[in-house]
C-alpha atoms as a PDB file:
ATOM      1  CA  MET A   1     -45.460  -3.105 -45.561  1.00  0.00           C
ATOM      2  CA  PHE A   2     -43.855  -3.955 -42.239  1.00  0.00           C
ATOM      3  CA  ASN A   3     -40.847  -5.719 -40.717  1.00  0.00           C
ATOM      4  CA  PHE A   4     -40.260  -6.845 -37.130  1.00  0.00           C
ATOM      5  CA  HIS A   5     -36.945  -8.664 -37.523  1.00  0.00           C
ATOM      6  CA  THR A   6     -34.386  -5.850 -37.412  1.00  0.00           C
ATOM      7  CA  HIS A   7     -30.847  -5.561 -36.044  1.00  0.00           C
ATOM      8  CA  CYS A   8     -29.327  -2.137 -35.354  1.00  0.00           C
ATOM      9  CA  TYR A   9     -25.935  -1.134 -33.927  1.00  0.00           C
ATOM     10  CA  TYR A  10     -26.750  -2.511 -30.476  1.00  0.00           C
ATOM     11  CA  CYS A  11     -25.938  -5.976 -31.834  1.00  0.00           C
ATOM     12  CA  ASP A  12     -24.483  -6.975 -35.213  1.00  0.00           C
ATOM     13  CA  GLY A  13     -26.469  -4.492 -37.282  1.00  0.00           C
ATOM     14  CA  GLN A  14     -25.311  -1.167 -38.653  1.00  0.00           C
ATOM     15  CA  GLY A  15     -26.942   2.158 -37.860  1.00  0.00           C
ATOM     16  CA  LYS A  16     -29.026   3.730 -35.131  1.00  0.00           C
ATOM     17  CA  PRO A  17     -32.674   2.834 -34.577  1.00  0.00           C
ATOM     18  CA  LYS A  18     -33.578   6.279 -35.934  1.00  0.00           C
ATOM     19  CA  ASP A  19     -31.863   5.435 -39.247  1.00  0.00           C
ATOM     20  CA  PHE A  20     -34.155   2.433 -39.694  1.00  0.00           C
ATOM     21  CA  VAL A  21     -37.261   4.355 -38.659  1.00  0.00           C
ATOM     22  CA  GLN A  22     -36.515   7.192 -41.070  1.00  0.00           C
ATOM     23  CA  GLU A  23     -36.154   4.687 -43.906  1.00  0.00           C
ATOM     24  CA  ALA A  24     -39.362   2.895 -42.877  1.00  0.00           C
ATOM     25  CA  VAL A  25     -41.263   6.195 -42.927  1.00  0.00           C
ATOM     26  CA  LYS A  26     -39.725   7.062 -46.299  1.00  0.00           C
ATOM     27  CA  GLN A  27     -40.940   3.722 -47.684  1.00  0.00           C
ATOM     28  CA  SER A  28     -44.450   4.190 -46.200  1.00  0.00           C
ATOM     29  CA  PHE A  29     -44.244   1.272 -43.789  1.00  0.00           C
ATOM     30  CA  THR A  30     -47.356   0.748 -41.690  1.00  0.00           C
ATOM     31  CA  ALA A  31     -45.526  -0.859 -38.710  1.00  0.00           C
ATOM     32  CA  PHE A  32     -41.984  -1.641 -37.632  1.00  0.00           C
ATOM     33  CA  GLY A  33     -40.103  -3.535 -34.931  1.00  0.00           C
ATOM     34  CA  PHE A  34     -36.588  -3.951 -33.534  1.00  0.00           C
ATOM     35  CA  SER A  35     -35.214  -7.332 -32.465  1.00  0.00           C
ATOM     36  CA  SER A  36     -31.542  -7.136 -31.505  1.00  0.00           C
ATOM     37  CA  HIS A  37     -29.856 -10.464 -30.800  1.00  0.00           C
ATOM     38  CA  GLY A  38     -30.451 -11.277 -27.134  1.00  0.00           C
ATOM     39  CA  PRO A  39     -27.570 -11.381 -24.634  1.00  0.00           C
ATOM     40  CA  LEU A  40     -25.501 -14.546 -24.288  1.00  0.00           C
ATOM     41  CA  PRO A  41     -23.177 -15.469 -21.391  1.00  0.00           C
ATOM     42  CA  PHE A  42     -19.970 -15.464 -23.427  1.00  0.00           C
ATOM     43  CA  ASP A  43     -18.022 -12.905 -25.439  1.00  0.00           C
ATOM     44  CA  ASN A  44     -19.219 -12.513 -29.011  1.00  0.00           C
ATOM     45  CA  SER A  45     -19.540  -9.881 -31.703  1.00  0.00           C
ATOM     46  CA  PHE A  46     -23.215 -10.266 -32.563  1.00  0.00           C
ATOM     47  CA  SER A  47     -25.455  -9.971 -29.485  1.00  0.00           C
ATOM     48  CA  ILE A  48     -26.488  -7.015 -27.367  1.00  0.00           C
ATOM     49  CA  LYS A  49     -24.926  -6.679 -23.926  1.00  0.00           C
ATOM     50  CA  GLU A  50     -27.543  -7.006 -21.219  1.00  0.00           C
ATOM     51  CA  ASN A  51     -26.543  -3.728 -19.581  1.00  0.00           C
ATOM     52  CA  ASN A  52     -27.265  -1.987 -22.918  1.00  0.00           C
ATOM     53  CA  ILE A  53     -30.878  -3.161 -23.156  1.00  0.00           C
ATOM     54  CA  PRO A  54     -32.317  -0.109 -21.294  1.00  0.00           C
ATOM     55  CA  ALA A  55     -30.452   2.264 -23.636  1.00  0.00           C
ATOM     56  CA  TYR A  56     -31.599   0.212 -26.640  1.00  0.00           C
ATOM     57  CA  ILE A  57     -35.242   0.519 -25.599  1.00  0.00           C
ATOM     58  CA  ALA A  58     -34.874   4.205 -24.749  1.00  0.00           C
ATOM     59  CA  GLU A  59     -33.387   4.959 -28.169  1.00  0.00           C
ATOM     60  CA  ILE A  60     -36.205   3.102 -29.916  1.00  0.00           C
ATOM     61  CA  LYS A  61     -38.789   5.032 -27.890  1.00  0.00           C
ATOM     62  CA  GLU A  62     -37.034   8.284 -28.765  1.00  0.00           C
ATOM     63  CA  ALA A  63     -37.231   7.468 -32.467  1.00  0.00           C
ATOM     64  CA  SER A  64     -40.854   6.451 -32.057  1.00  0.00           C
ATOM     65  CA  ALA A  65     -41.691   9.793 -30.422  1.00  0.00           C
ATOM     66  CA  GLU A  66     -40.042  11.632 -33.315  1.00  0.00           C
ATOM     67  CA  PHE A  67     -42.085   9.678 -35.887  1.00  0.00           C
ATOM     68  CA  PRO A  68     -45.453   9.072 -34.181  1.00  0.00           C
ATOM     69  CA  GLN A  69     -47.129   8.178 -37.483  1.00  0.00           C
ATOM     70  CA  LEU A  70     -45.297   4.817 -37.498  1.00  0.00           C
ATOM     71  CA  PRO A  71     -46.199   2.233 -34.813  1.00  0.00           C
ATOM     72  CA  ILE A  72     -42.922   0.815 -33.508  1.00  0.00           C
ATOM     73  CA  SER A  73     -42.446  -2.258 -31.304  1.00  0.00           C
ATOM     74  CA  TYR A  74     -39.317  -3.414 -29.501  1.00  0.00           C
ATOM     75  CA  GLY A  75     -38.139  -6.882 -28.610  1.00  0.00           C
ATOM     76  CA  LEU A  76     -35.216  -9.273 -28.965  1.00  0.00           C
ATOM     77  CA  GLU A  77     -34.283 -12.209 -31.138  1.00  0.00           C
ATOM     78  CA  CYS A  78     -33.220 -14.656 -28.456  1.00  0.00           C
ATOM     79  CA  ASP A  79     -30.907 -17.579 -29.094  1.00  0.00           C
ATOM     80  CA  PHE A  80     -31.691 -20.849 -27.377  1.00  0.00           C
ATOM     81  CA  ILE A  81     -28.653 -22.838 -26.261  1.00  0.00           C
ATOM     82  CA  PRO A  82     -29.371 -25.676 -23.776  1.00  0.00           C
ATOM     83  CA  ASN A  83     -27.974 -25.090 -20.270  1.00  0.00           C
ATOM     84  CA  LEU A  84     -26.402 -21.824 -21.390  1.00  0.00           C
ATOM     85  CA  SER A  85     -28.883 -19.169 -22.534  1.00  0.00           C
ATOM     86  CA  LYS A  86     -31.205 -17.426 -20.069  1.00  0.00           C
ATOM     87  CA  PRO A  87     -34.950 -18.116 -20.338  1.00  0.00           C
ATOM     88  CA  PHE A  88     -36.601 -15.880 -22.907  1.00  0.00           C
ATOM     89  CA  SER A  89     -39.228 -14.931 -20.315  1.00  0.00           C
ATOM     90  CA  TYR A  90     -36.497 -13.402 -18.152  1.00  0.00           C
ATOM     91  CA  PHE A  91     -35.732 -10.764 -20.778  1.00  0.00           C
ATOM     92  CA  LYS A  92     -39.375 -10.081 -21.585  1.00  0.00           C
ATOM     93  CA  GLN A  93     -40.369  -9.612 -17.959  1.00  0.00           C
ATOM     94  CA  THR A  94     -37.229  -7.842 -16.755  1.00  0.00           C
ATOM     95  CA  TYR A  95     -37.155  -5.258 -19.544  1.00  0.00           C
ATOM     96  CA  GLY A  96     -40.822  -5.056 -20.527  1.00  0.00           C
ATOM     97  CA  LEU A  97     -40.214  -6.257 -24.070  1.00  0.00           C
ATOM     98  CA  GLN A  98     -43.180  -6.304 -26.407  1.00  0.00           C
ATOM     99  CA  TYR A  99     -42.231  -9.454 -28.287  1.00  0.00           C
ATOM    100  CA  ILE A 100     -39.610 -12.164 -28.597  1.00  0.00           C
ATOM    101  CA  ILE A 101     -38.343 -13.897 -31.733  1.00  0.00           C
ATOM    102  CA  GLY A 102     -36.869 -17.306 -30.976  1.00  0.00           C
ATOM    103  CA  GLY A 103     -34.102 -18.728 -33.105  1.00  0.00           C
ATOM    104  CA  ILE A 104     -31.118 -21.035 -33.262  1.00  0.00           C
ATOM    105  CA  HIS A 105     -27.812 -19.958 -34.768  1.00  0.00           C
ATOM    106  CA  MET A 106     -25.516 -22.221 -32.722  1.00  0.00           C
ATOM    107  CA  VAL A 107     -25.999 -25.943 -32.186  1.00  0.00           C
ATOM    108  CA  GLU A 108     -24.669 -27.316 -28.888  1.00  0.00           C
ATOM    109  CA  LYS A 109     -23.005 -30.724 -28.563  1.00  0.00           C
ATOM    110  CA  ASP A 110     -20.923 -31.784 -25.569  1.00  0.00           C
ATOM    111  CA  GLY A 111     -20.155 -28.185 -24.651  1.00  0.00           C
ATOM    112  CA  GLN A 112     -19.092 -27.206 -28.167  1.00  0.00           C
ATOM    113  CA  LEU A 113     -21.033 -24.816 -30.416  1.00  0.00           C
ATOM    114  CA  TRP A 114     -21.556 -25.354 -34.145  1.00  0.00           C
ATOM    115  CA  PHE A 115     -22.214 -21.972 -35.765  1.00  0.00           C
ATOM    116  CA  ILE A 116     -24.580 -22.593 -38.686  1.00  0.00           C
ATOM    117  CA  ASP A 117     -25.087 -18.933 -39.658  1.00  0.00           C
ATOM    118  CA  GLY A 118     -22.809 -16.195 -40.947  1.00  0.00           C
ATOM    119  CA  PRO A 119     -21.380 -15.507 -44.413  1.00  0.00           C
ATOM    120  CA  LEU A 120     -18.913 -18.388 -44.667  1.00  0.00           C
ATOM    121  CA  SER A 121     -19.819 -21.946 -45.628  1.00  0.00           C
ATOM    122  CA  ALA A 122     -16.369 -22.960 -44.350  1.00  0.00           C
ATOM    123  CA  THR A 123     -17.490 -22.195 -40.770  1.00  0.00           C
ATOM    124  CA  TYR A 124     -20.418 -24.613 -41.204  1.00  0.00           C
ATOM    125  CA  ASP A 125     -18.173 -27.237 -42.783  1.00  0.00           C
ATOM    126  CA  ASP A 126     -15.499 -26.961 -40.097  1.00  0.00           C
ATOM    127  CA  GLY A 127     -18.041 -27.357 -37.300  1.00  0.00           C
ATOM    128  CA  LEU A 128     -19.625 -30.330 -39.025  1.00  0.00           C
ATOM    129  CA  ALA A 129     -16.205 -31.974 -39.347  1.00  0.00           C
ATOM    130  CA  ASN A 130     -14.746 -31.103 -35.948  1.00  0.00           C
ATOM    131  CA  ILE A 131     -17.824 -31.461 -33.728  1.00  0.00           C
ATOM    132  CA  PHE A 132     -19.906 -34.070 -35.582  1.00  0.00           C
ATOM    133  CA  HIS A 133     -17.155 -35.882 -37.523  1.00  0.00           C
ATOM    134  CA  ASN A 134     -19.097 -35.186 -40.738  1.00  0.00           C
ATOM    135  CA  ASP A 135     -22.101 -37.203 -39.536  1.00  0.00           C
ATOM    136  CA  ILE A 136     -24.715 -34.965 -41.143  1.00  0.00           C
ATOM    137  CA  ARG A 137     -27.653 -36.970 -39.825  1.00  0.00           C
ATOM    138  CA  LEU A 138     -26.429 -36.579 -36.255  1.00  0.00           C
ATOM    139  CA  ALA A 139     -25.747 -32.881 -36.831  1.00  0.00           C
ATOM    140  CA  VAL A 140     -29.194 -32.196 -38.287  1.00  0.00           C
ATOM    141  CA  LYS A 141     -30.853 -34.301 -35.578  1.00  0.00           C
ATOM    142  CA  THR A 142     -29.034 -32.306 -32.884  1.00  0.00           C
ATOM    143  CA  TYR A 143     -30.170 -29.037 -34.483  1.00  0.00           C
ATOM    144  CA  PHE A 144     -33.793 -30.088 -34.633  1.00  0.00           C
ATOM    145  CA  TYR A 145     -33.839 -31.540 -31.121  1.00  0.00           C
ATOM    146  CA  GLN A 146     -32.503 -28.212 -29.872  1.00  0.00           C
ATOM    147  CA  LEU A 147     -35.231 -26.471 -31.897  1.00  0.00           C
ATOM    148  CA  PHE A 148     -37.903 -28.762 -30.428  1.00  0.00           C
ATOM    149  CA  ASN A 149     -36.576 -28.043 -26.933  1.00  0.00           C
ATOM    150  CA  MET A 150     -36.848 -24.295 -27.562  1.00  0.00           C
ATOM    151  CA  ILE A 151     -40.392 -24.514 -28.885  1.00  0.00           C
ATOM    152  CA  GLU A 152     -41.568 -26.698 -26.023  1.00  0.00           C
ATOM    153  CA  ASN A 153     -39.891 -24.867 -23.136  1.00  0.00           C
ATOM    154  CA  GLU A 154     -39.422 -21.193 -24.025  1.00  0.00           C
ATOM    155  CA  GLN A 155     -41.994 -18.407 -24.203  1.00  0.00           C
ATOM    156  CA  PHE A 156     -41.862 -16.398 -27.416  1.00  0.00           C
ATOM    157  CA  ASP A 157     -44.029 -15.082 -30.243  1.00  0.00           C
ATOM    158  CA  ILE A 158     -42.320 -15.597 -33.609  1.00  0.00           C
ATOM    159  CA  ILE A 159     -40.057 -18.453 -34.670  1.00  0.00           C
ATOM    160  CA  ALA A 160     -37.118 -17.370 -36.817  1.00  0.00           C
ATOM    161  CA  HIS A 161     -35.874 -19.163 -39.958  1.00  0.00           C
ATOM    162  CA  PHE A 162     -36.569 -22.582 -38.414  1.00  0.00           C
ATOM    163  CA  ASP A 163     -35.072 -24.503 -41.353  1.00  0.00           C
ATOM    164  CA  LYS A 164     -31.871 -22.430 -41.480  1.00  0.00           C
ATOM    165  CA  ILE A 165     -29.845 -25.601 -41.079  1.00  0.00           C
ATOM    166  CA  LYS A 166     -30.147 -25.843 -44.879  1.00  0.00           C
ATOM    167  CA  MET A 167     -28.428 -22.506 -45.658  1.00  0.00           C
ATOM    168  CA  HIS A 168     -24.793 -23.580 -45.916  1.00  0.00           C
ATOM    169  CA  ASN A 169     -25.721 -27.156 -46.770  1.00  0.00           C
ATOM    170  CA  LYS A 170     -26.504 -26.107 -50.356  1.00  0.00           C
ATOM    171  CA  ASN A 171     -27.612 -29.653 -51.202  1.00  0.00           C
ATOM    172  CA  ARG A 172     -24.128 -31.003 -50.468  1.00  0.00           C
ATOM    173  CA  TYR A 173     -24.785 -33.159 -47.389  1.00  0.00           C
ATOM    174  CA  PHE A 174     -28.540 -33.735 -47.538  1.00  0.00           C
ATOM    175  CA  LEU A 175     -31.559 -32.918 -49.698  1.00  0.00           C
ATOM    176  CA  GLU A 176     -34.818 -31.359 -48.588  1.00  0.00           C
ATOM    177  CA  THR A 177     -36.559 -34.256 -50.295  1.00  0.00           C
ATOM    178  CA  ASP A 178     -34.879 -36.746 -47.946  1.00  0.00           C
ATOM    179  CA  LYS A 179     -37.589 -38.413 -45.889  1.00  0.00           C
ATOM    180  CA  TRP A 180     -35.538 -38.357 -42.671  1.00  0.00           C
ATOM    181  CA  TYR A 181     -35.085 -34.576 -43.020  1.00  0.00           C
ATOM    182  CA  GLN A 182     -38.749 -33.961 -43.800  1.00  0.00           C
ATOM    183  CA  ASN A 183     -39.781 -35.892 -40.695  1.00  0.00           C
ATOM    184  CA  TYR A 184     -37.966 -33.311 -38.546  1.00  0.00           C
ATOM    185  CA  ILE A 185     -39.707 -30.477 -40.411  1.00  0.00           C
ATOM    186  CA  PHE A 186     -43.149 -32.013 -39.863  1.00  0.00           C
ATOM    187  CA  GLU A 187     -42.435 -32.478 -36.152  1.00  0.00           C
ATOM    188  CA  ALA A 188     -41.340 -28.834 -35.901  1.00  0.00           C
ATOM    189  CA  ILE A 189     -44.588 -27.755 -37.567  1.00  0.00           C
ATOM    190  CA  ARG A 190     -46.624 -29.880 -35.164  1.00  0.00           C
ATOM    191  CA  LEU A 191     -44.959 -28.241 -32.162  1.00  0.00           C
ATOM    192  CA  ILE A 192     -45.244 -24.746 -33.653  1.00  0.00           C
ATOM    193  CA  LYS A 193     -48.984 -25.236 -34.046  1.00  0.00           C
ATOM    194  CA  GLU A 194     -49.287 -26.649 -30.535  1.00  0.00           C
ATOM    195  CA  LYS A 195     -47.555 -23.571 -29.074  1.00  0.00           C
ATOM    196  CA  ASN A 196     -49.463 -21.053 -31.246  1.00  0.00           C
ATOM    197  CA  LEU A 197     -46.330 -19.491 -32.699  1.00  0.00           C
ATOM    198  CA  ILE A 198     -46.064 -17.244 -35.749  1.00  0.00           C
ATOM    199  CA  VAL A 199     -43.758 -18.447 -38.522  1.00  0.00           C
ATOM    200  CA  GLU A 200     -41.717 -15.836 -40.346  1.00  0.00           C
ATOM    201  CA  ILE A 201     -40.978 -15.955 -44.053  1.00  0.00           C
ATOM    202  CA  ASN A 202     -37.392 -14.740 -43.901  1.00  0.00           C
ATOM    203  CA  THR A 203     -35.915 -13.131 -47.033  1.00  0.00           C
ATOM    204  CA  ARG A 204     -32.302 -12.560 -45.917  1.00  0.00           C
ATOM    205  CA  GLY A 205     -30.818 -15.647 -47.541  1.00  0.00           C
ATOM    206  CA  ILE A 206     -31.919 -14.436 -50.968  1.00  0.00           C
ATOM    207  CA  TYR A 207     -30.798 -10.812 -50.871  1.00  0.00           C
ATOM    208  CA  LYS A 208     -27.491 -11.710 -49.176  1.00  0.00           C
ATOM    209  CA  GLN A 209     -27.016 -14.452 -51.817  1.00  0.00           C
ATOM    210  CA  ARG A 210     -26.412 -17.122 -49.192  1.00  0.00           C
ATOM    211  CA  TYR A 211     -29.388 -19.262 -50.163  1.00  0.00           C
ATOM    212  CA  ASN A 212     -31.649 -19.228 -53.220  1.00  0.00           C
ATOM    213  CA  GLY A 213     -34.953 -19.405 -51.357  1.00  0.00           C
ATOM    214  CA  PHE A 214     -36.879 -18.366 -48.299  1.00  0.00           C
ATOM    215  CA  TYR A 215     -36.772 -19.731 -44.768  1.00  0.00           C
ATOM    216  CA  PRO A 216     -38.898 -21.801 -44.674  1.00  0.00           C
ATOM    217  CA  SER A 217     -39.097 -23.285 -48.163  1.00  0.00           C
ATOM    218  CA  ALA A 218     -42.297 -23.058 -50.202  1.00  0.00           C
ATOM    219  CA  TRP A 219     -43.122 -26.751 -49.689  1.00  0.00           C
ATOM    220  CA  ILE A 220     -42.956 -26.178 -45.937  1.00  0.00           C
ATOM    221  CA  LEU A 221     -45.146 -23.080 -46.205  1.00  0.00           C
ATOM    222  CA  LYS A 222     -47.806 -25.182 -47.916  1.00  0.00           C
ATOM    223  CA  GLU A 223     -47.921 -27.479 -44.885  1.00  0.00           C
ATOM    224  CA  ILE A 224     -47.898 -24.485 -42.508  1.00  0.00           C
ATOM    225  CA  HIS A 225     -50.905 -23.094 -44.378  1.00  0.00           C
ATOM    226  CA  ARG A 226     -52.625 -26.478 -44.278  1.00  0.00           C
ATOM    227  CA  GLN A 227     -52.166 -26.502 -40.501  1.00  0.00           C
ATOM    228  CA  ASN A 228     -53.631 -22.968 -40.246  1.00  0.00           C
ATOM    229  CA  ILE A 229     -50.476 -21.560 -38.620  1.00  0.00           C
ATOM    230  CA  PRO A 230     -50.074 -17.772 -38.877  1.00  0.00           C
ATOM    231  CA  ILE A 231     -47.192 -16.168 -40.748  1.00  0.00           C
ATOM    232  CA  THR A 232     -45.371 -12.862 -40.988  1.00  0.00           C
ATOM    233  CA  ILE A 233     -42.735 -11.583 -43.420  1.00  0.00           C
ATOM    234  CA  SER A 234     -39.279 -10.700 -42.079  1.00  0.00           C
ATOM    235  CA  MET A 235     -36.369  -9.120 -43.884  1.00  0.00           C
ATOM    236  CA  ASP A 236     -33.972  -9.829 -40.996  1.00  0.00           C
ATOM    237  CA  ALA A 237     -32.478  -6.425 -41.805  1.00  0.00           C
ATOM    238  CA  HIS A 238     -29.046  -5.449 -40.480  1.00  0.00           C
ATOM    239  CA  GLN A 239     -28.930  -2.130 -42.328  1.00  0.00           C
ATOM    240  CA  ALA A 240     -31.620   0.467 -43.010  1.00  0.00           C
ATOM    241  CA  GLN A 241     -31.452  -0.146 -46.759  1.00  0.00           C
ATOM    242  CA  GLU A 242     -32.387  -3.804 -46.210  1.00  0.00           C
ATOM    243  CA  ILE A 243     -35.729  -3.283 -44.480  1.00  0.00           C
ATOM    244  CA  SER A 244     -37.891  -4.117 -47.510  1.00  0.00           C
ATOM    245  CA  LEU A 245     -35.593  -6.368 -49.555  1.00  0.00           C
ATOM    246  CA  GLY A 246     -37.539  -9.381 -50.759  1.00  0.00           C
ATOM    247  CA  TYR A 247     -40.836  -8.292 -49.225  1.00  0.00           C
ATOM    248  CA  GLU A 248     -42.862  -8.370 -52.448  1.00  0.00           C
ATOM    249  CA  SER A 249     -41.516 -11.751 -53.563  1.00  0.00           C
ATOM    250  CA  ALA A 250     -42.180 -13.196 -50.096  1.00  0.00           C
ATOM    251  CA  LYS A 251     -45.721 -11.841 -50.214  1.00  0.00           C
ATOM    252  CA  GLN A 252     -46.208 -13.447 -53.634  1.00  0.00           C
ATOM    253  CA  CYS A 253     -44.883 -16.753 -52.295  1.00  0.00           C
ATOM    254  CA  ALA A 254     -47.307 -16.553 -49.366  1.00  0.00           C
ATOM    255  CA  LEU A 255     -50.229 -15.951 -51.730  1.00  0.00           C
ATOM    256  CA  GLU A 256     -49.166 -18.805 -54.014  1.00  0.00           C
ATOM    257  CA  THR A 257     -48.994 -21.205 -51.069  1.00  0.00           C
ATOM    258  CA  GLY A 258     -52.534 -20.299 -50.031  1.00  0.00           C
ATOM    259  CA  PHE A 259     -52.205 -17.588 -47.375  1.00  0.00           C
ATOM    260  CA  ARG A 260     -54.698 -14.739 -47.310  1.00  0.00           C
ATOM    261  CA  LYS A 261     -53.875 -13.353 -43.849  1.00  0.00           C
ATOM    262  CA  ILE A 262     -50.630 -12.145 -42.322  1.00  0.00           C
ATOM    263  CA  SER A 263     -49.653 -11.288 -38.747  1.00  0.00           C
ATOM    264  CA  GLN A 264     -48.194  -7.966 -37.691  1.00  0.00           C
ATOM    265  CA  LEU A 265     -47.435  -6.023 -34.533  1.00  0.00           C
ATOM    266  CA  ILE A 266     -48.958  -2.690 -33.609  1.00  0.00           C
ATOM    267  CA  ASP A 267     -47.510  -1.278 -30.396  1.00  0.00           C
ATOM    268  CA  GLY A 268     -46.486  -4.766 -29.373  1.00  0.00           C
ATOM    269  CA  LYS A 269     -49.879  -6.359 -29.968  1.00  0.00           C
ATOM    270  CA  ILE A 270     -50.197  -9.097 -32.570  1.00  0.00           C
ATOM    271  CA  PHE A 271     -53.112  -9.290 -34.957  1.00  0.00           C
ATOM    272  CA  GLU A 272     -53.864 -10.622 -38.406  1.00  0.00           C
ATOM    273  CA  THR A 273     -54.590  -8.464 -41.425  1.00  0.00           C
ATOM    274  CA  ASN A 274     -55.483  -9.228 -45.036  1.00  0.00           C
ATOM    275  CA  LEU A 275     -52.571 -10.146 -47.289  1.00  0.00           C
ATOM    276  CA  GLN A 276     -53.095  -7.998 -50.366  1.00  0.00           C
END
């Protein structure tokens, strides 16, 4: 068992890196990774401050030295916001990060940001109304075009919850069976394959009861398998007790959709292992 999508108290998570490592050792994890939300050039409550990155890495290395039996990697989950966020490569090169997860939590339109994540559907609804005037097709198109831009122009290793636009939708504004929506998904998959990215199966929506399935959905995973794109399993943990929530069900979903291999990180190096 392993998890590389983890948020500790340097961003919006709770607990020290050591707390997570102790729990991972207790649960007999074979590898682990930290991925605090990358810095953004505006005040917020969820991302690490750039001047804290050296301390973040040092604390992870300290925990790793205390528990040498567990290979630990350190990186960031970087948000892509056009004309606002720094290039992902800047953080990797400047701080010697071992991996980058790329994701989108805020959709930019005309200088305004639509926050599609978080616990409240009302935040999603308000942004859709105030920024996109309830034009769901325009809103979803803007999300996916921002996603395409990230995939094509940024350097990273794992793509996070790339269909998260569905989380607070809850089948109210669009359906996953809508052809126009599926066309965006298929284009995302094409670009992911072209850029040799790893797709995570993210379990957080289920155990936080914000969505009744994985990111991405099983029908998308079938196409990802058909395209021979590698996967990993991510709990997107924000507390130590979350590090394995949903792992077994995600593994079962991966097996049912045809996967027999899974990607993991050992000391920052990515390789595939058998999915058993």
